[in-house]
N, C-alpha and C. Protein backbone atom coordinates (compact mmCIF):
# COMPACT_ATOMS: atom_id res chain seq x y z
N MET A 1 9.41 -5.41 17.76
CA MET A 1 9.22 -4.28 16.49
C MET A 1 8.72 -5.49 15.07
N TYR A 2 7.91 -4.87 14.61
CA TYR A 2 6.98 -5.30 13.04
C TYR A 2 6.87 -4.49 12.24
N LEU A 3 7.19 -5.33 10.79
CA LEU A 3 7.22 -4.22 9.68
C LEU A 3 5.78 -4.74 9.18
N TYR A 4 4.83 -3.37 8.95
CA TYR A 4 4.01 -3.72 8.25
C TYR A 4 3.99 -3.44 7.01
N ASN A 5 3.67 -4.14 5.59
CA ASN A 5 4.23 -4.00 4.67
C ASN A 5 2.73 -4.22 3.88
N VAL A 6 2.21 -3.20 2.64
CA VAL A 6 1.03 -3.57 1.74
C VAL A 6 1.72 -3.23 0.96
N SER A 7 1.35 -4.31 -0.44
CA SER A 7 1.46 -3.83 -1.71
C SER A 7 0.60 -4.10 -2.68
N ILE A 8 0.57 -2.76 -3.74
CA ILE A 8 -0.11 -2.77 -4.55
C ILE A 8 0.26 -3.05 -6.04
N ILE A 9 -0.30 -3.78 -6.78
CA ILE A 9 -0.08 -4.38 -8.11
C ILE A 9 -0.91 -3.79 -8.88
N ILE A 10 -0.56 -2.72 -10.06
CA ILE A 10 -1.61 -2.62 -10.61
C ILE A 10 -1.46 -2.78 -12.23
N GLU A 11 -2.03 -3.32 -12.89
CA GLU A 11 -1.60 -3.31 -14.48
C GLU A 11 -1.55 -2.33 -15.04
N GLU A 12 -0.38 -2.34 -16.44
CA GLU A 12 -0.12 -0.97 -17.21
C GLU A 12 -0.92 -0.14 -17.16
N SER A 13 -2.30 -0.17 -17.43
CA SER A 13 -3.55 0.14 -18.38
C SER A 13 -3.27 1.16 -17.03
N GLN A 14 -3.38 1.11 -16.00
CA GLN A 14 -3.75 1.93 -15.11
C GLN A 14 -3.27 2.37 -14.09
N HIS A 15 -1.88 2.14 -14.51
CA HIS A 15 -0.92 2.50 -12.93
C HIS A 15 -0.46 4.26 -13.00
N GLU A 16 -0.76 5.33 -13.86
CA GLU A 16 -0.84 6.39 -13.84
C GLU A 16 -0.98 6.76 -13.55
N THR A 17 -2.71 6.65 -13.38
CA THR A 17 -3.85 7.10 -12.78
C THR A 17 -3.67 6.70 -11.02
N LEU A 18 -3.39 5.52 -11.07
CA LEU A 18 -3.46 5.01 -9.87
C LEU A 18 -2.40 5.80 -8.76
N LEU A 19 -1.33 5.51 -9.00
CA LEU A 19 0.25 6.52 -8.58
C LEU A 19 0.01 8.10 -8.41
N SER A 20 -0.98 8.54 -9.52
CA SER A 20 -1.33 9.89 -9.27
C SER A 20 -2.00 10.16 -7.83
N TRP A 21 -2.44 9.22 -8.19
CA TRP A 21 -3.73 9.20 -6.80
C TRP A 21 -3.07 9.17 -5.18
N LEU A 22 -2.09 7.83 -5.19
CA LEU A 22 -1.68 7.45 -4.42
C LEU A 22 -0.51 8.49 -4.05
N GLN A 23 -0.13 9.22 -4.86
CA GLN A 23 0.76 10.22 -4.32
C GLN A 23 0.08 11.57 -4.02
N GLN A 24 -0.69 12.13 -4.61
CA GLN A 24 -1.28 13.47 -4.37
C GLN A 24 -2.64 13.32 -3.43
N SER A 25 -3.14 11.71 -3.20
CA SER A 25 -4.17 11.97 -2.48
C SER A 25 -4.50 11.03 -1.03
N TRP A 26 -3.46 9.78 -1.17
CA TRP A 26 -3.80 8.98 -0.09
C TRP A 26 -2.54 8.89 0.99
N THR A 27 -1.21 8.95 -0.16
CA THR A 27 -0.37 9.29 1.08
C THR A 27 0.25 10.40 2.05
N PRO A 28 0.02 11.63 1.47
CA PRO A 28 -0.13 12.81 2.09
C PRO A 28 -1.37 12.62 3.53
N THR A 29 -1.67 11.68 3.74
CA THR A 29 -2.48 11.26 4.87
C THR A 29 -2.21 10.77 5.40
N LEU A 30 -1.33 9.65 5.26
CA LEU A 30 -0.43 9.07 6.08
C LEU A 30 0.97 9.60 7.22
N PRO A 31 1.34 9.07 8.00
CA PRO A 31 1.82 9.22 8.81
C PRO A 31 3.76 9.69 8.33
N SER A 32 4.15 10.50 8.92
CA SER A 32 5.31 11.03 8.27
C SER A 32 6.41 9.58 8.13
N ASP A 33 7.02 8.70 8.92
CA ASP A 33 7.39 7.37 9.04
C ASP A 33 7.37 6.71 7.86
N ILE A 34 6.19 6.78 7.41
CA ILE A 34 5.70 5.35 5.85
C ILE A 34 6.91 5.73 5.43
N LYS A 35 6.70 4.63 4.76
CA LYS A 35 8.12 4.15 3.35
C LYS A 35 6.82 3.94 2.39
N PHE A 36 7.41 5.06 0.95
CA PHE A 36 6.24 4.81 0.11
C PHE A 36 7.62 4.08 -1.26
N LEU A 37 7.49 2.61 -1.88
CA LEU A 37 8.07 2.23 -2.42
C LEU A 37 7.50 2.10 -3.43
N LYS A 38 8.77 1.81 -5.16
CA LYS A 38 7.99 1.12 -6.22
C LYS A 38 9.03 -0.05 -5.96
N MET A 39 8.74 -1.37 -6.08
CA MET A 39 9.15 -2.60 -6.49
C MET A 39 9.99 -2.70 -7.93
N LEU A 40 11.12 -3.42 -7.69
CA LEU A 40 12.00 -3.51 -9.16
C LEU A 40 12.02 -4.45 -9.33
N ASN A 41 12.18 -5.07 -10.77
CA ASN A 41 12.48 -6.72 -10.69
C ASN A 41 11.35 -7.63 -10.15
N THR A 42 10.12 -6.97 -10.52
CA THR A 42 9.26 -7.65 -9.76
C THR A 42 8.36 -8.51 -10.48
N PRO A 43 8.03 -9.78 -10.22
CA PRO A 43 7.95 -10.95 -10.87
C PRO A 43 6.39 -11.09 -11.88
N HIS A 44 5.93 -10.07 -11.00
CA HIS A 44 4.18 -9.70 -11.26
C HIS A 44 4.08 -8.69 -12.96
N GLU A 45 3.09 -8.99 -13.34
CA GLU A 45 3.13 -8.17 -14.69
C GLU A 45 2.51 -6.72 -13.86
N GLY A 46 2.67 -5.90 -14.86
CA GLY A 46 2.21 -4.18 -14.46
C GLY A 46 3.10 -3.98 -13.29
N HIS A 47 2.64 -3.04 -12.21
CA HIS A 47 3.98 -2.38 -11.57
C HIS A 47 3.54 -2.31 -9.82
N THR A 48 4.16 -2.39 -9.43
CA THR A 48 4.49 -3.08 -7.74
C THR A 48 4.56 -1.83 -6.80
N TYR A 49 3.73 -1.31 -6.30
CA TYR A 49 4.16 -0.04 -5.19
C TYR A 49 4.25 -0.95 -3.89
N CYS A 50 4.44 -0.37 -2.95
CA CYS A 50 4.79 -0.62 -1.47
C CYS A 50 4.55 0.18 -0.11
N VAL A 51 4.06 0.18 0.73
CA VAL A 51 4.27 1.14 1.92
C VAL A 51 4.52 0.56 2.60
N GLN A 52 5.65 0.80 3.08
CA GLN A 52 5.94 0.29 4.77
C GLN A 52 5.65 0.76 6.14
N LEU A 53 6.17 -0.16 7.28
CA LEU A 53 5.26 1.25 8.52
C LEU A 53 6.18 0.23 9.32
N ILE A 54 6.49 0.54 10.03
CA ILE A 54 7.84 -0.09 11.10
C ILE A 54 6.89 0.66 12.40
N VAL A 55 6.70 -0.39 14.15
CA VAL A 55 5.43 -0.28 14.92
C VAL A 55 6.29 -1.17 15.66
N SER A 56 5.77 -0.65 17.02
CA SER A 56 6.29 -1.83 18.54
C SER A 56 5.68 -2.82 18.68
N ASP A 57 4.18 -2.85 18.21
CA ASP A 57 3.17 -3.41 18.72
C ASP A 57 2.14 -3.73 17.24
N GLU A 58 1.32 -5.11 17.50
CA GLU A 58 0.32 -5.44 16.12
C GLU A 58 -1.13 -4.78 16.05
N ARG A 59 -0.96 -3.96 17.13
CA ARG A 59 -1.86 -3.32 18.09
C ARG A 59 -2.08 -1.74 17.36
N GLN A 60 -0.44 -1.37 16.88
CA GLN A 60 -0.52 -0.34 15.60
C GLN A 60 -0.64 -0.70 14.47
N ILE A 61 -0.68 -1.83 14.14
CA ILE A 61 -1.02 -2.42 12.41
C ILE A 61 -2.47 -2.36 12.37
N GLN A 62 -3.18 -2.57 13.59
CA GLN A 62 -4.43 -2.82 13.15
C GLN A 62 -5.04 -1.63 12.94
N GLN A 63 -4.79 -0.69 13.93
CA GLN A 63 -5.23 1.49 13.87
C GLN A 63 -4.86 1.81 12.75
N PHE A 64 -3.73 1.27 11.74
CA PHE A 64 -3.03 1.71 10.63
C PHE A 64 -4.56 1.06 9.49
N GLN A 65 -4.37 -0.21 9.74
CA GLN A 65 -5.31 -0.97 8.69
C GLN A 65 -6.61 0.38 8.68
N SER A 66 -7.18 -0.07 10.04
CA SER A 66 -8.85 0.87 9.94
C SER A 66 -8.64 2.33 9.73
N GLU A 67 -7.61 2.92 9.64
CA GLU A 67 -7.31 4.70 9.64
C GLU A 67 -7.70 4.77 8.21
N HIS A 68 -6.05 3.67 7.49
CA HIS A 68 -5.51 4.08 6.01
C HIS A 68 -6.26 2.99 4.85
N ILE A 69 -5.91 1.50 5.75
CA ILE A 69 -6.01 0.50 4.31
C ILE A 69 -7.31 0.28 4.10
N VAL A 70 -8.48 0.81 4.74
CA VAL A 70 -9.95 1.00 4.25
C VAL A 70 -9.95 1.70 2.97
N SER A 71 -9.47 3.23 3.51
CA SER A 71 -9.51 4.23 1.73
C SER A 71 -8.95 3.62 0.86
N LEU A 72 -7.72 3.17 1.34
CA LEU A 72 -6.93 2.65 0.09
C LEU A 72 -7.69 1.22 -0.91
N GLN A 73 -8.09 0.33 -0.03
CA GLN A 73 -9.18 -0.61 -0.32
C GLN A 73 -10.64 0.17 -1.00
N ALA A 74 -10.66 1.00 -0.66
CA ALA A 74 -12.71 1.45 -1.11
C ALA A 74 -11.98 1.92 -2.25
N HIS A 75 -10.95 3.08 -2.75
CA HIS A 75 -10.53 3.82 -3.79
C HIS A 75 -10.08 2.46 -5.02
N ILE A 76 -9.31 1.71 -4.80
CA ILE A 76 -9.82 0.35 -5.46
C ILE A 76 -10.53 0.12 -6.14
N ALA A 77 -11.27 -0.61 -5.51
CA ALA A 77 -12.69 -1.36 -5.72
C ALA A 77 -12.96 -0.45 -6.62
N GLN A 78 -13.03 0.89 -6.49
CA GLN A 78 -14.08 2.18 -6.79
C GLN A 78 -13.98 2.05 -8.16
N HIS A 79 -12.14 2.30 -8.17
CA HIS A 79 -11.57 2.78 -9.42
C HIS A 79 -10.79 1.97 -10.40
N HIS A 80 -10.16 0.51 -9.61
CA HIS A 80 -9.14 0.22 -10.69
C HIS A 80 -10.18 -1.24 -10.52
N ASN A 81 -11.19 -1.59 -10.41
CA ASN A 81 -11.70 -3.07 -9.65
C ASN A 81 -11.56 -3.79 -11.22
N GLU A 82 -10.91 -4.53 -10.72
CA GLU A 82 -9.80 -6.03 -11.23
C GLU A 82 -8.87 -5.97 -12.37
N LYS A 83 -7.87 -4.52 -11.67
CA LYS A 83 -6.95 -4.05 -12.55
C LYS A 83 -5.94 -3.84 -11.23
N ALA A 84 -6.39 -3.93 -10.46
CA ALA A 84 -5.69 -3.72 -9.22
C ALA A 84 -5.90 -4.62 -8.25
N PHE A 85 -4.79 -5.11 -7.37
CA PHE A 85 -5.27 -5.60 -5.97
C PHE A 85 -4.04 -5.21 -4.68
N ILE A 86 -4.54 -5.72 -3.80
CA ILE A 86 -3.66 -5.26 -2.29
C ILE A 86 -3.63 -6.34 -1.96
N PHE A 87 -2.38 -7.02 -1.20
CA PHE A 87 -1.93 -7.54 0.03
C PHE A 87 -1.33 -7.22 0.70
N ASP A 88 -1.20 -7.50 2.26
CA ASP A 88 -0.41 -7.24 3.10
C ASP A 88 -0.14 -8.66 3.76
N SER A 89 1.48 -7.92 4.40
CA SER A 89 2.08 -8.76 5.65
C SER A 89 3.03 -7.63 6.74
N VAL A 90 3.09 -9.00 8.05
CA VAL A 90 3.18 -8.61 8.82
C VAL A 90 4.09 -9.35 9.19
N MET A 91 6.00 -8.93 9.15
CA MET A 91 7.15 -9.23 9.90
C MET A 91 7.43 -9.17 11.15
N GLN A 92 8.30 -9.70 12.08
CA GLN A 92 8.73 -9.53 13.04
C GLN A 92 10.41 -9.63 13.14
N TYR A 93 10.88 -8.44 13.42
CA TYR A 93 12.23 -8.46 13.85
C TYR A 93 12.69 -9.29 14.71
N LEU A 94 13.74 -9.72 15.04
CA LEU A 94 14.41 -10.62 15.28
C LEU A 94 15.67 -10.24 15.84
């Protein structure tokens, strides 16, 4: 089993706009078992949001990336260039 985590860090000045888009436009397109979280006590300035998915194999991660992360990246590049960035990580359950 794998945990796929996508973290989105957004500057204070842009966070309300991005959060609204995430909640109203992007997350409704995601599978129902996706978790959408706000990171508390983050060492980063601004706000950090996370999207987490638990899958049984890495192929499912690649599929999720191509179906959903591409649109997230495009939106951030177009509307929040240099004000937000995303990074992802894959963890394996032991």
